[in-house]
Protein backbone atom coordinates (compact mmCIF):
# COMPACT_ATOMS: atom_id res chain seq x y z
CA MET A 1 112.17 97.65 67.76
CA ILE A 2 115.42 98.00 70.26
CA ARG A 3 114.80 94.72 71.55
CA PHE A 4 114.31 93.50 67.86
CA LEU A 5 117.90 94.86 67.17
CA LEU A 6 119.44 93.74 70.47
CA LYS A 7 117.78 89.99 69.35
CA ASN A 8 119.96 90.64 65.78
CA SER A 9 123.22 92.15 66.96
CA ARG A 10 123.77 93.13 70.49
CA TRP A 11 127.50 94.26 70.43
CA MET A 12 126.98 96.48 67.57
CA LEU A 13 124.11 98.19 69.19
CA SER A 14 125.94 98.30 72.10
CA MET A 15 129.24 99.97 70.50
CA SER A 16 126.55 102.58 68.32
CA MET A 17 124.95 103.67 71.67
CA LEU A 18 128.06 104.11 73.48
CA CYS A 19 129.79 106.14 70.77
CA GLY A 20 126.38 107.92 70.62
CA LEU A 21 127.09 108.79 74.72
CA LEU A 22 130.75 110.32 73.81
CA SER A 23 129.04 112.51 71.25
CA GLY A 24 126.57 113.56 73.51
CA LEU A 25 129.02 113.90 76.28
CA GLY A 26 131.44 116.05 73.98
CA GLY A 27 128.37 118.44 73.46
CA VAL A 28 127.58 119.09 76.27
CA GLY A 29 131.11 119.81 76.85
CA LEU A 30 131.20 122.40 74.24
CA VAL A 31 128.59 124.19 75.43
CA ALA A 32 130.28 124.25 79.20
CA VAL A 33 133.36 125.78 77.21
CA ILE A 34 131.56 128.26 75.56
CA ASN A 35 129.57 129.48 78.68
CA THR A 36 132.92 129.59 80.64
CA ALA A 37 134.84 131.68 77.80
CA LEU A 38 132.37 133.92 77.87
CA GLY A 39 132.44 134.75 81.00
CA GLY A 40 135.87 134.17 82.01
CA GLU A 41 139.07 136.12 81.79
CA GLN A 42 141.12 137.00 78.84
CA ASN A 43 144.28 134.90 79.88
CA LYS A 44 142.67 131.93 80.60
CA ILE A 45 140.48 132.03 76.99
CA ALA A 46 143.79 130.47 75.47
CA GLY A 47 143.77 126.97 77.18
CA LEU A 48 140.16 126.19 77.12
CA GLY A 49 140.61 126.90 73.09
CA TRP A 50 143.02 123.43 73.17
CA LEU A 51 139.71 121.89 75.22
CA PHE A 52 137.53 123.56 72.69
CA ALA A 53 139.43 121.36 69.83
CA GLY A 54 139.91 118.09 71.43
CA LEU A 55 136.20 118.49 72.60
CA CYS A 56 135.20 119.01 68.93
CA VAL A 57 137.25 115.68 67.43
CA LEU A 58 135.72 114.00 70.30
CA LEU A 59 132.32 114.94 69.11
CA LEU A 60 133.05 114.74 65.27
CA THR A 61 134.58 111.44 65.75
CA ALA A 62 131.92 109.55 67.99
CA ARG A 63 128.96 110.99 66.16
CA ALA A 64 130.13 109.39 62.74
CA ALA A 65 131.08 106.45 64.56
CA SER A 66 127.87 106.12 66.40
CA ALA A 67 125.73 106.78 62.93
CA LEU A 68 128.30 104.22 60.45
CA LEU A 69 127.79 101.83 63.20
CA LEU A 70 123.78 101.77 63.50
CA LEU A 71 123.50 102.32 59.56
CA ARG A 72 125.39 98.95 59.05
CA LEU A 73 123.15 97.55 61.67
CA GLY A 74 119.70 98.51 60.26
CA GLN A 75 121.11 97.82 56.88
CA ASN A 76 121.77 94.27 58.11
CA VAL A 77 118.87 93.70 60.14
CA ILE A 78 116.70 94.81 56.90
CA PHE A 79 118.71 92.21 54.80
CA ASP A 80 118.03 89.38 56.95
CA LEU A 81 114.62 90.40 57.56
CA ARG A 82 114.07 89.98 53.68
CA LEU A 83 115.67 86.73 53.56
CA LYS A 84 113.77 85.70 56.43
CA LEU A 85 110.42 86.47 55.14
CA SER A 86 111.33 85.23 51.98
CA ARG A 87 112.65 81.85 53.40
CA GLN A 88 109.48 81.30 55.20
CA ILE A 89 107.19 82.24 52.37
CA LEU A 90 108.93 79.38 50.41
CA LYS A 91 108.79 76.65 53.18
CA ALA A 92 104.91 77.72 54.02
CA SER A 93 102.38 75.69 52.85
CA LEU A 94 100.66 76.75 49.76
CA SER A 95 97.04 76.48 51.09
CA ASN A 96 98.53 78.73 53.98
CA LEU A 97 99.71 81.36 51.54
CA GLN A 98 96.42 81.24 49.61
CA GLN A 99 94.72 82.05 53.01
CA LEU A 100 97.23 85.20 53.57
CA GLY A 101 96.46 86.39 50.41
CA PRO A 102 99.09 88.22 48.18
CA ALA A 103 98.25 91.73 48.59
CA ARG A 104 98.90 91.13 52.65
CA ILE A 105 102.41 89.45 51.88
CA LEU A 106 103.50 92.00 49.13
CA ALA A 107 102.36 95.00 51.60
CA SER A 108 104.81 93.41 54.60
CA LEU A 109 107.64 92.68 51.56
CA THR A 110 107.65 95.81 50.36
CA ASP A 111 105.68 98.81 52.47
CA ASP A 112 106.45 97.25 55.68
CA VAL A 113 110.11 96.72 55.63
CA THR A 114 111.00 99.81 53.66
CA THR A 115 109.08 101.69 56.49
CA LEU A 116 111.61 99.64 59.08
CA ALA A 117 114.52 100.46 57.09
CA GLU A 118 113.45 104.51 57.24
CA SER A 119 113.08 103.84 61.02
CA PHE A 120 116.55 102.86 61.17
CA ARG A 121 117.80 105.71 59.03
CA TRP A 122 116.77 107.69 61.91
CA LEU A 123 117.93 105.68 64.73
CA PRO A 124 121.83 106.75 64.66
CA LEU A 125 120.00 110.70 64.81
CA PHE A 126 117.68 109.79 67.71
CA CYS A 127 120.73 108.03 69.40
CA ILE A 128 123.12 110.70 69.35
CA ASN A 129 120.89 113.52 70.35
CA ALA A 130 119.49 111.69 73.26
CA ALA A 131 123.06 111.61 74.35
CA ILE A 132 123.40 115.15 73.47
CA VAL A 133 119.99 116.08 75.30
CA VAL A 134 121.30 113.76 78.63
CA GLY A 135 124.55 115.37 78.67
CA CYS A 136 122.75 118.72 78.84
CA LEU A 137 120.06 117.61 81.64
CA GLY A 138 123.61 116.53 83.70
CA TYR A 139 125.47 119.80 82.73
CA LEU A 140 122.11 121.82 84.06
CA GLY A 141 122.40 119.92 87.09
CA TRP A 142 125.39 121.19 87.78
CA LEU A 143 125.19 124.73 87.15
CA SER A 144 121.75 125.00 89.44
CA GLY A 145 119.87 122.65 91.18
CA ALA A 146 116.84 125.21 91.37
CA LEU A 147 117.14 125.52 87.27
CA PHE A 148 117.64 121.63 86.71
CA ILE A 149 114.46 121.01 88.98
CA LEU A 150 112.19 123.68 86.65
CA VAL A 151 113.45 121.58 83.31
CA ALA A 152 112.75 118.39 85.05
CA VAL A 153 109.26 119.27 85.87
CA THR A 154 108.82 121.15 82.49
CA ILE A 155 110.15 117.56 80.84
CA ALA A 156 107.88 115.35 82.79
CA ILE A 157 104.89 117.95 81.95
CA GLY A 158 105.72 117.92 78.19
CA ILE A 159 106.49 113.79 78.13
CA SER A 160 103.26 113.59 80.15
CA SER A 161 101.16 115.51 77.36
CA PHE A 162 103.21 113.97 74.40
CA ARG A 163 102.43 110.67 75.44
CA LEU A 164 98.50 111.24 75.92
CA ILE A 165 98.71 112.68 72.22
CA THR A 166 101.00 110.15 70.85
CA LYS A 167 98.97 107.78 72.36
CA GLN A 168 95.99 108.62 69.67
CA ALA A 169 97.94 109.52 67.04
CA LEU A 170 99.03 105.40 66.98
CA ARG A 171 95.94 104.19 66.52
CA GLY A 172 95.20 106.50 63.46
CA LEU A 173 98.78 105.02 62.22
CA ARG A 174 97.43 101.42 63.36
CA THR A 175 93.96 102.31 61.43
CA ALA A 176 95.76 103.27 58.13
CA ARG A 177 97.95 100.43 58.13
CA GLU A 178 95.11 98.53 57.51
CA TYR A 179 94.08 100.14 54.77
CA ASN A 180 96.94 99.99 53.33
CA ASP A 181 96.87 96.18 52.74
CA ASP A 182 93.44 97.08 51.32
CA LEU A 183 95.02 99.71 48.95
CA TYR A 184 97.46 96.92 47.89
CA GLY A 185 94.73 94.84 46.68
CA HIS A 186 92.91 97.40 44.71
CA PHE A 187 96.28 98.53 42.93
CA LYS A 188 96.57 94.41 42.02
CA GLY A 189 93.06 95.13 40.76
CA LEU A 190 93.94 98.20 39.02
CA THR A 191 97.20 96.56 36.77
CA GLN A 192 95.72 93.31 36.40
CA GLY A 193 92.28 94.55 35.14
CA ILE A 194 93.25 97.39 33.35
CA LYS A 195 91.61 96.18 30.21
CA GLU A 196 88.07 95.28 31.70
CA LEU A 197 88.35 98.23 33.49
CA LYS A 198 88.75 100.13 30.51
CA LEU A 199 86.07 98.11 28.10
CA HIS A 200 83.47 99.25 30.95
CA ARG A 201 82.87 102.56 32.00
CA SER A 202 80.40 102.18 34.84
CA ARG A 203 82.94 99.37 36.43
CA ARG A 204 85.51 101.26 36.31
CA ASP A 205 84.17 104.50 37.90
CA ALA A 206 82.53 102.14 40.79
CA PHE A 207 86.20 100.66 41.05
CA LEU A 208 87.59 104.00 41.19
CA ASN A 209 84.91 106.09 43.31
CA GLU A 210 83.95 102.72 45.75
CA CYS A 211 86.86 101.05 46.11
CA LEU A 212 90.40 102.39 45.27
CA GLU A 213 89.22 106.21 46.53
CA THR A 214 87.40 104.97 49.67
CA SER A 215 90.34 102.76 50.89
CA ALA A 216 92.88 105.75 49.62
CA ALA A 217 90.34 108.53 51.26
CA HIS A 218 90.39 105.92 54.66
CA TYR A 219 94.05 105.83 54.45
CA ARG A 220 94.62 109.78 54.00
CA SER A 221 92.00 110.58 56.64
CA HIS A 222 93.50 107.95 59.34
CA TYR A 223 97.23 108.81 58.42
CA THR A 224 97.08 112.57 58.28
CA SER A 225 94.91 112.40 61.89
CA GLY A 226 97.86 110.46 63.48
CA MET A 227 100.65 112.65 61.87
CA SER A 228 98.98 116.07 62.77
CA ARG A 229 98.80 114.69 66.22
CA HIS A 230 102.46 114.18 66.54
CA ILE A 231 103.04 117.72 64.82
CA LEU A 232 101.39 119.44 67.44
CA ALA A 233 102.93 117.55 70.24
CA ASN A 234 106.56 118.14 68.83
CA ASN A 235 105.79 121.93 68.34
CA TRP A 236 104.44 121.61 71.96
CA GLY A 237 107.25 120.40 73.38
CA ASN A 238 109.57 122.90 71.67
CA GLY A 239 107.11 125.66 73.11
CA LEU A 240 107.94 124.80 76.48
CA PHE A 241 111.41 125.20 76.31
CA TYR A 242 110.84 128.54 74.88
CA VAL A 243 108.74 129.38 77.70
CA LEU A 244 111.42 128.00 80.49
CA ILE A 245 114.19 130.28 78.89
CA GLY A 246 111.65 133.27 79.00
CA VAL A 247 111.26 132.50 83.22
CA ALA A 248 114.36 132.26 83.50
CA LEU A 249 115.68 136.00 81.83
CA PHE A 250 112.95 137.45 83.17
CA LEU A 251 111.09 135.85 85.80
CA MET A 252 113.77 134.12 88.11
CA PRO A 253 115.90 137.28 88.93
CA ASP A 254 113.65 139.11 90.08
CA PHE A 255 111.34 136.06 92.01
CA GLN A 256 114.42 133.72 93.10
CA HIS A 257 114.32 135.28 96.86
CA LEU A 258 110.86 134.57 96.88
CA ILE A 259 111.06 130.98 96.16
CA ARG A 260 114.42 131.07 98.47
CA GLU A 261 112.10 131.63 101.18
CA ALA A 262 109.15 129.37 100.46
CA ALA A 263 111.46 126.44 100.13
CA ALA A 264 113.46 127.53 103.39
CA ARG A 265 109.60 127.70 105.18
CA PHE A 266 108.46 124.05 103.81
CA GLY A 267 111.97 122.44 104.54
CA LEU A 268 111.79 121.09 100.86
CA PHE A 269 115.31 122.13 99.23
CA SER A 270 118.25 124.83 100.08
CA MET A 271 118.37 127.27 96.78
CA GLU A 272 121.30 128.89 96.07
CA GLU A 273 121.76 131.97 94.52
CA VAL A 274 121.50 131.89 90.59
CA THR A 275 124.14 134.61 89.12
CA PRO A 276 123.77 136.03 85.50
CA GLN A 277 126.61 133.36 84.50
CA MET A 278 124.27 130.60 85.58
CA LEU A 279 121.53 132.25 83.17
CA ARG A 280 123.75 132.84 80.42
CA GLY A 281 125.13 128.77 80.84
CA TYR A 282 121.01 128.07 81.35
CA CYS A 283 119.95 129.99 78.43
CA LEU A 284 122.88 128.46 76.13
CA THR A 285 121.69 124.93 76.91
CA ILE A 286 118.55 124.90 76.21
CA LEU A 287 119.27 126.91 72.89
CA TYR A 288 121.41 123.90 72.32
CA MET A 289 118.93 121.29 73.32
CA ILE A 290 116.18 122.42 71.01
CA SER A 291 117.32 120.89 67.91
CA PRO A 292 118.22 117.76 69.04
CA LEU A 293 114.94 117.68 71.25
CA THR A 294 113.18 118.92 67.23
CA ILE A 295 115.35 115.97 65.76
CA MET A 296 113.89 113.22 68.41
CA MET A 297 110.56 114.25 67.96
CA GLU A 298 110.19 114.39 64.68
CA SER A 299 111.64 110.67 64.45
CA LEU A 300 109.13 109.66 66.89
CA PRO A 301 105.75 109.24 64.35
CA VAL A 302 108.63 107.33 62.48
CA PHE A 303 109.33 105.01 64.75
CA GLU A 304 105.45 104.74 65.65
CA ARG A 305 105.10 103.31 61.90
CA ALA A 306 107.70 101.37 62.63
CA ARG A 307 106.35 99.78 65.25
CA VAL A 308 103.12 99.05 63.56
CA ALA A 309 104.88 97.60 60.96
CA LEU A 310 107.06 95.40 62.71
CA LYS A 311 103.77 94.12 64.26
CA LYS A 312 102.83 93.59 60.93
CA VAL A 313 105.64 91.37 59.92
CA GLN A 314 105.90 89.44 63.27
CA LYS A 315 102.14 89.00 63.04
CA LEU A 316 102.94 87.50 58.97
CA SER A 317 105.71 85.53 60.07
CA SER A 318 103.79 83.80 62.78
CA GLU A 319 100.95 83.20 60.33
CA SER A 320 103.40 81.70 57.67
CA GLU A 321 104.70 78.99 60.69
CA ALA A 322 103.17 76.37 59.46
CA GLN A 323 106.15 75.29 57.72
CA GLU A 324 106.82 72.11 55.79
CA ILE A 325 109.26 69.65 57.34
CA ALA A 326 112.71 70.03 55.68
CA PRO A 327 113.90 66.71 53.64
CA ASP A 328 115.92 64.68 55.65
CA PRO A 329 118.77 64.04 54.09
CA ALA A 330 118.77 60.51 55.24
CA ILE A 331 115.37 59.85 53.20
CA LEU A 332 115.82 59.28 49.49
CA PRO A 333 113.24 57.30 48.40
CA PHE A 334 112.73 58.35 44.75
CA CYS A 335 115.15 58.04 41.66
CA GLU A 336 115.00 59.98 38.73
CA GLN A 337 113.59 56.97 36.82
CA ALA A 338 110.10 56.83 36.05
CA SER A 339 108.01 55.03 38.65
CA CYS A 340 104.52 53.91 39.47
CA LEU A 341 102.35 56.78 41.02
CA GLU A 342 99.11 55.40 43.26
CA MET A 343 96.95 57.26 45.04
CA ILE A 344 94.81 55.82 47.60
CA ASP A 345 91.51 57.09 49.19
CA ILE A 346 92.61 61.05 49.01
CA THR A 347 90.62 63.46 50.25
CA HIS A 348 90.42 67.16 50.57
CA SER A 349 87.89 69.87 51.79
CA TYR A 350 87.87 73.62 51.43
CA HIS A 351 85.22 76.35 51.18
CA SER A 352 83.61 76.60 47.98
CA ASP A 353 83.15 80.65 47.12
CA ARG A 354 79.91 80.01 45.01
CA GLU A 355 77.86 77.63 47.87
CA GLU A 356 77.65 78.14 51.49
CA ARG A 357 79.13 74.31 52.11
CA SER A 358 82.63 73.06 52.14
CA PHE A 359 83.47 70.75 49.18
CA MET A 360 85.27 67.55 49.97
CA LEU A 361 87.05 66.42 46.70
CA GLY A 362 87.12 62.35 46.76
CA PRO A 363 87.78 59.88 48.28
CA VAL A 364 90.17 59.65 44.99
CA ASN A 365 91.99 56.25 44.10
CA LEU A 366 94.28 56.85 40.91
CA THR A 367 96.91 54.82 39.23
CA LEU A 368 99.31 57.03 36.93
CA ASN A 369 102.05 54.80 34.83
CA PRO A 370 105.29 55.63 33.85
CA GLY A 371 104.92 56.33 29.61
CA GLU A 372 101.16 57.28 29.88
CA ILE A 373 98.93 60.47 29.08
CA VAL A 374 95.79 60.93 31.12
CA PHE A 375 93.49 63.81 30.33
CA LEU A 376 91.49 65.15 33.17
CA ILE A 377 88.05 66.61 32.71
CA GLY A 378 84.96 68.24 34.53
CA GLY A 379 83.28 71.35 34.39
CA ASN A 380 84.36 74.55 36.05
CA GLY A 381 84.62 74.15 40.42
CA SER A 382 84.76 70.25 40.19
CA GLY A 383 88.13 69.94 41.64
CA LYS A 384 90.29 69.32 38.80
CA THR A 385 93.07 72.20 39.84
CA THR A 386 92.66 70.91 43.73
CA LEU A 387 93.26 67.44 42.44
CA ALA A 388 96.38 68.40 40.25
CA LEU A 389 97.76 70.43 43.24
CA LEU A 390 97.86 67.35 45.06
CA LEU A 391 99.12 65.07 42.80
CA ALA A 392 101.91 67.28 42.55
CA GLY A 393 102.62 67.56 46.28
CA LEU A 394 101.40 71.00 46.67
CA TYR A 395 98.56 70.56 49.02
CA ASN A 396 98.53 68.00 51.69
CA PRO A 397 96.07 65.29 51.67
CA GLU A 398 93.72 65.35 54.91
CA GLN A 399 92.95 61.43 54.43
CA GLY A 400 94.70 58.70 52.11
CA LYS A 401 98.40 58.70 51.22
CA ILE A 402 100.30 58.57 48.23
CA ARG A 403 102.87 56.15 46.90
CA LEU A 404 105.62 56.85 44.36
CA GLY A 405 107.75 53.54 43.40
CA GLY A 406 105.86 51.83 46.28
CA CYS A 407 107.62 54.54 49.07
CA GLU A 408 105.15 56.56 50.60
CA VAL A 409 104.91 60.40 50.65
CA THR A 410 105.22 61.40 53.88
CA TYR A 411 106.37 65.18 55.54
CA GLN A 412 109.51 64.18 55.74
CA ASN A 413 110.09 63.32 51.91
CA ARG A 414 107.29 65.64 50.33
CA GLU A 415 109.87 67.93 49.00
CA LEU A 416 111.54 65.35 47.34
CA TYR A 417 108.47 64.49 45.67
CA ARG A 418 107.58 67.26 44.22
CA GLN A 419 111.07 67.54 42.76
CA GLN A 420 109.66 64.70 40.38
CA PHE A 421 107.12 66.83 38.65
CA SER A 422 107.78 69.71 36.05
CA ALA A 423 103.94 71.49 35.51
CA VAL A 424 102.50 74.43 33.93
CA PHE A 425 99.46 75.90 35.66
CA SER A 426 96.68 78.04 34.22
CA ASP A 427 98.34 81.13 36.67
CA PHE A 428 101.80 79.99 35.96
CA TYR A 429 104.45 82.77 36.32
CA LEU A 430 106.94 82.77 33.98
CA PHE A 431 110.66 84.01 34.98
CA ASP A 432 113.24 85.90 32.76
CA SER A 433 115.79 83.29 33.51
CA LEU A 434 116.52 79.73 33.08
CA LEU A 435 116.98 79.06 36.97
CA GLY A 436 117.97 76.10 38.55
CA PHE A 437 119.92 74.64 35.75
CA GLN A 438 122.84 72.54 35.45
CA ASN A 439 123.12 71.82 32.12
CA HIS A 440 126.27 73.97 30.54
CA GLU A 441 125.01 73.72 27.01
CA LEU A 442 121.20 75.11 28.16
CA ASP A 443 121.34 77.99 25.58
CA ALA A 444 121.98 75.28 22.66
CA ASP A 445 119.15 72.87 23.77
CA ALA A 446 116.65 75.80 24.47
CA ARG A 447 117.23 77.34 21.22
CA ALA A 448 116.37 74.07 19.62
CA TYR A 449 113.14 74.06 21.78
CA LEU A 450 112.28 77.74 20.48
CA VAL A 451 112.92 76.69 16.90
CA HIS A 452 109.70 73.88 17.47
CA LEU A 453 107.68 75.73 19.44
CA GLN A 454 107.76 78.47 16.86
CA LEU A 455 109.58 81.70 19.24
CA ASP A 456 112.61 81.86 17.83
CA HIS A 457 111.36 84.81 15.59
CA LYS A 458 110.78 86.39 19.28
CA VAL A 459 112.71 85.60 22.12
CA GLN A 460 116.42 84.83 22.13
CA ILE A 461 118.35 83.17 24.99
CA ASP A 462 121.88 84.14 26.05
CA GLN A 463 123.58 82.62 29.40
CA GLY A 464 119.96 81.28 30.18
CA VAL A 465 118.25 84.60 30.51
CA PHE A 466 115.24 85.40 27.48
CA SER A 467 115.38 88.75 25.36
CA THR A 468 112.01 89.40 26.48
CA LEU A 469 108.56 88.07 27.81
CA ASN A 470 106.90 91.10 26.10
CA LEU A 471 104.65 87.54 24.62
CA SER A 472 100.90 87.16 24.11
CA GLN A 473 99.65 84.77 26.97
CA GLY A 474 99.69 81.93 24.10
CA GLN A 475 103.54 82.35 23.49
CA ARG A 476 104.25 82.90 26.87
CA LYS A 477 102.92 79.33 27.66
CA ARG A 478 104.67 77.82 24.58
CA LEU A 479 107.73 79.69 26.91
CA ALA A 480 106.71 78.10 29.87
CA LEU A 481 106.45 74.60 28.31
CA LEU A 482 110.34 75.30 27.38
CA VAL A 483 111.21 75.44 30.91
CA ALA A 484 109.55 72.45 31.81
CA TYR A 485 110.89 70.07 28.92
CA LEU A 486 113.87 71.32 30.03
CA GLU A 487 113.63 69.83 33.25
CA ASP A 488 113.22 66.57 32.37
CA ARG A 489 111.38 65.09 35.32
CA PRO A 490 109.44 62.15 35.31
CA PHE A 491 106.10 63.53 35.48
CA TYR A 492 104.32 66.76 33.80
CA LEU A 493 101.15 68.33 34.64
CA PHE A 494 99.79 70.47 32.16
CA ASP A 495 96.40 72.74 33.37
CA GLU A 496 94.22 73.58 30.69
CA TRP A 497 97.75 74.79 28.38
CA ALA A 498 96.07 74.41 25.47
CA ALA A 499 93.25 77.36 26.10
CA ASP A 500 95.19 80.34 24.89
CA GLN A 501 96.78 78.49 21.75
CA ASP A 502 95.35 79.29 18.09
CA PRO A 503 94.28 75.91 16.53
CA VAL A 504 97.73 75.31 14.87
CA PHE A 505 99.82 75.12 17.77
CA LYS A 506 96.82 73.76 19.58
CA ASN A 507 96.95 70.83 17.37
CA ILE A 508 101.13 70.63 17.75
CA PHE A 509 100.81 70.26 21.44
CA TYR A 510 97.98 67.39 21.64
CA THR A 511 99.31 65.77 18.23
CA GLU A 512 103.13 66.18 18.58
CA ILE A 513 104.15 67.66 22.08
CA LEU A 514 102.44 64.98 24.34
CA PRO A 515 103.32 62.04 22.23
CA ALA A 516 106.77 63.04 22.06
CA LEU A 517 106.82 63.30 26.16
CA LYS A 518 105.02 59.66 25.86
CA ALA A 519 107.75 58.30 23.64
CA ARG A 520 110.18 59.66 26.70
CA GLY A 521 108.48 57.27 29.49
CA LYS A 522 106.97 60.78 31.08
CA THR A 523 104.06 60.46 32.86
CA VAL A 524 101.97 63.37 31.54
CA VAL A 525 98.43 64.61 32.79
CA VAL A 526 97.12 67.44 31.35
CA ILE A 527 93.37 69.15 32.51
CA THR A 528 91.96 70.34 29.47
CA HIS A 529 88.43 71.00 27.64
CA ASP A 530 89.09 69.88 23.83
CA ASP A 531 87.08 67.01 23.68
CA GLY A 532 88.31 67.17 20.01
CA TYR A 533 91.45 65.10 21.33
CA PHE A 534 90.32 62.81 24.20
CA HIS A 535 91.18 60.05 21.65
CA LEU A 536 94.94 60.66 22.19
CA ALA A 537 95.02 60.01 25.57
CA ASP A 538 95.77 56.55 27.05
CA ARG A 539 92.74 57.37 29.37
CA CYS A 540 90.51 60.05 30.35
CA LEU A 541 89.58 60.96 33.51
CA LYS A 542 86.31 63.02 34.64
CA LEU A 543 85.86 65.46 38.07
CA ASN A 544 82.39 66.04 38.88
CA ASP A 545 81.51 67.33 42.19
CA GLY A 546 84.78 65.80 43.49
CA ARG A 547 84.26 62.50 42.27
CA LEU A 548 86.87 60.63 39.84
CA THR A 549 85.71 58.68 37.23
CA GLU A 550 87.41 57.05 33.89
CA ILE A 551 85.46 57.45 30.64
CA PRO A 552 85.74 55.11 28.17
CA VAL A 553 88.42 56.61 25.50
CA GLU A 554 87.65 55.82 21.59
CA LYS A 555 91.47 55.32 20.10
CA GLN A 556 92.43 57.03 16.46
CA GLU A 557 95.22 56.48 15.21
CA THR A 558 96.47 59.50 13.06
CA GLU A 559 99.19 60.49 10.52
CA SER A 560 100.39 63.71 12.04
CA CYS A 561 100.85 62.08 15.83
CA ASN A 562 103.29 58.86 13.98
CA ASN A 563 105.24 61.98 12.52
CA ALA A 564 105.11 64.01 15.62
CA ASP A 565 107.27 61.73 17.56
CA ASN A 566 109.78 61.06 15.11
CA GLU A 567 110.40 65.17 14.99
CA TRP A 568 110.51 65.90 18.53
CA GLN A 569 112.65 62.83 19.44
CA GLN A 570 114.94 63.82 16.83
CA THR A 571 115.58 66.66 18.30
CA GLU A 572 116.41 64.93 21.24
CA LEU A 573 118.83 62.91 19.41
CA GLU A 574 120.63 65.52 17.73
CA MET A 575 120.95 67.58 21.30
CA SER A 576 122.53 64.48 23.07
CA SER A 577 124.62 63.41 20.31
């Protein structure tokens, strides 16, 4: 994680580490001053008072500076990471995002980033207390080489045993993180499938007991196992230091001469006599070190979880690296005026969930002309939505080419090509405001359409923000249609839009709204099963097992259709005048 921070802000991390080191040295200096004052003469204590005050100022100032720098660094990194992931997701291909799945993406954007944020909150404490421990060890070495060796051996034993225990703990935390992805998927099912669960008690019980509870139990088991090992390791480390204090106070005075003789006999080292003042300084330093060491130990599980979360984020980032090429500003082949669209020998394959085989769409040859209403029909799983995603540029064709206005759609201009489409998909998402519009008279235009969509009694709009989205599915689709209508693009795509509408508004959609779009020169593609309105289409295309054919349309002129154009066109004339 330190390497990750160094990539983002090397100088800020270096400054915070320097301040942490100064804080640690100040703390050790305070211990040395206190130890000297306790064993010194009365006339020397006054001089030590000024040194004590200076060290207090140094310690507090350096500690605050280190914490503030690391706080700013951590929040900057979290901010950049969130935006980087969001931008990468927006740039990734739709098919790649669908393979990753929404549960995994949400888990990384929320849980993993939150875990990293928590670790950055602990990082200043860890660095400051690490500096204190290092300074204390230096002071112990200055007091007595023998005591320093005793502490160093104990720390080496503690670190070795701690790493052995935490290695097993990390394995449990990694497994718990995998089950966390499953939990996100179950929570999505819980919130989005609540009506179905309430209506079917056996399904509800099975979902709760076999799915959600099982994943939650696995998460609890592995997380508890990992954290328990960390807790045991922390207490084991603290216990070793209390043993050190006991050895120094009760064994060292009686056995230090035996240790000196053994060291001299084997030529290991020369050991000076350990005085009571040394022992007092030794005990004070160890006691002072226990609290920083405890904080460091408690932060290690947080850093282990952050390490796992960072790997998950980096894995998501690498797996979503199949990004689409950004549009080249020098390539602007498309204009806002309506143009002829051609799909030439387009094919696309994917795995069908219903059958153990790959589904092949195409080859598709299709021409769409300005001012044309085209109905796309076919059974479930016939490839209608896939064709719509290919048509809108959200899927890349495996073979064939798409031409718009005679210009071929390539990786360099696909983003520009997509901007020619407005769409309401069957699984549409409705934002709570009109994002991305530049029209200053947007509210007036939107209110006029709200009246025609019979939503003015439910929804108000102020500065591009809808007053509510708490609507029925049919009303939400009308609001999504309003947004698409305001976008005013050459191509409109509606994926079973009328499926959730009442008979009255379904009739308005087919006999008023679609003819009004046609009168404006828009190319409209409607995925539908409403055979009672097929006669209103200029062409009707049928998909059957990935093969596209055209079926004859029996034209019927209706009075409502003629009156509809006038009503919607009159609204547009009033708004433009």
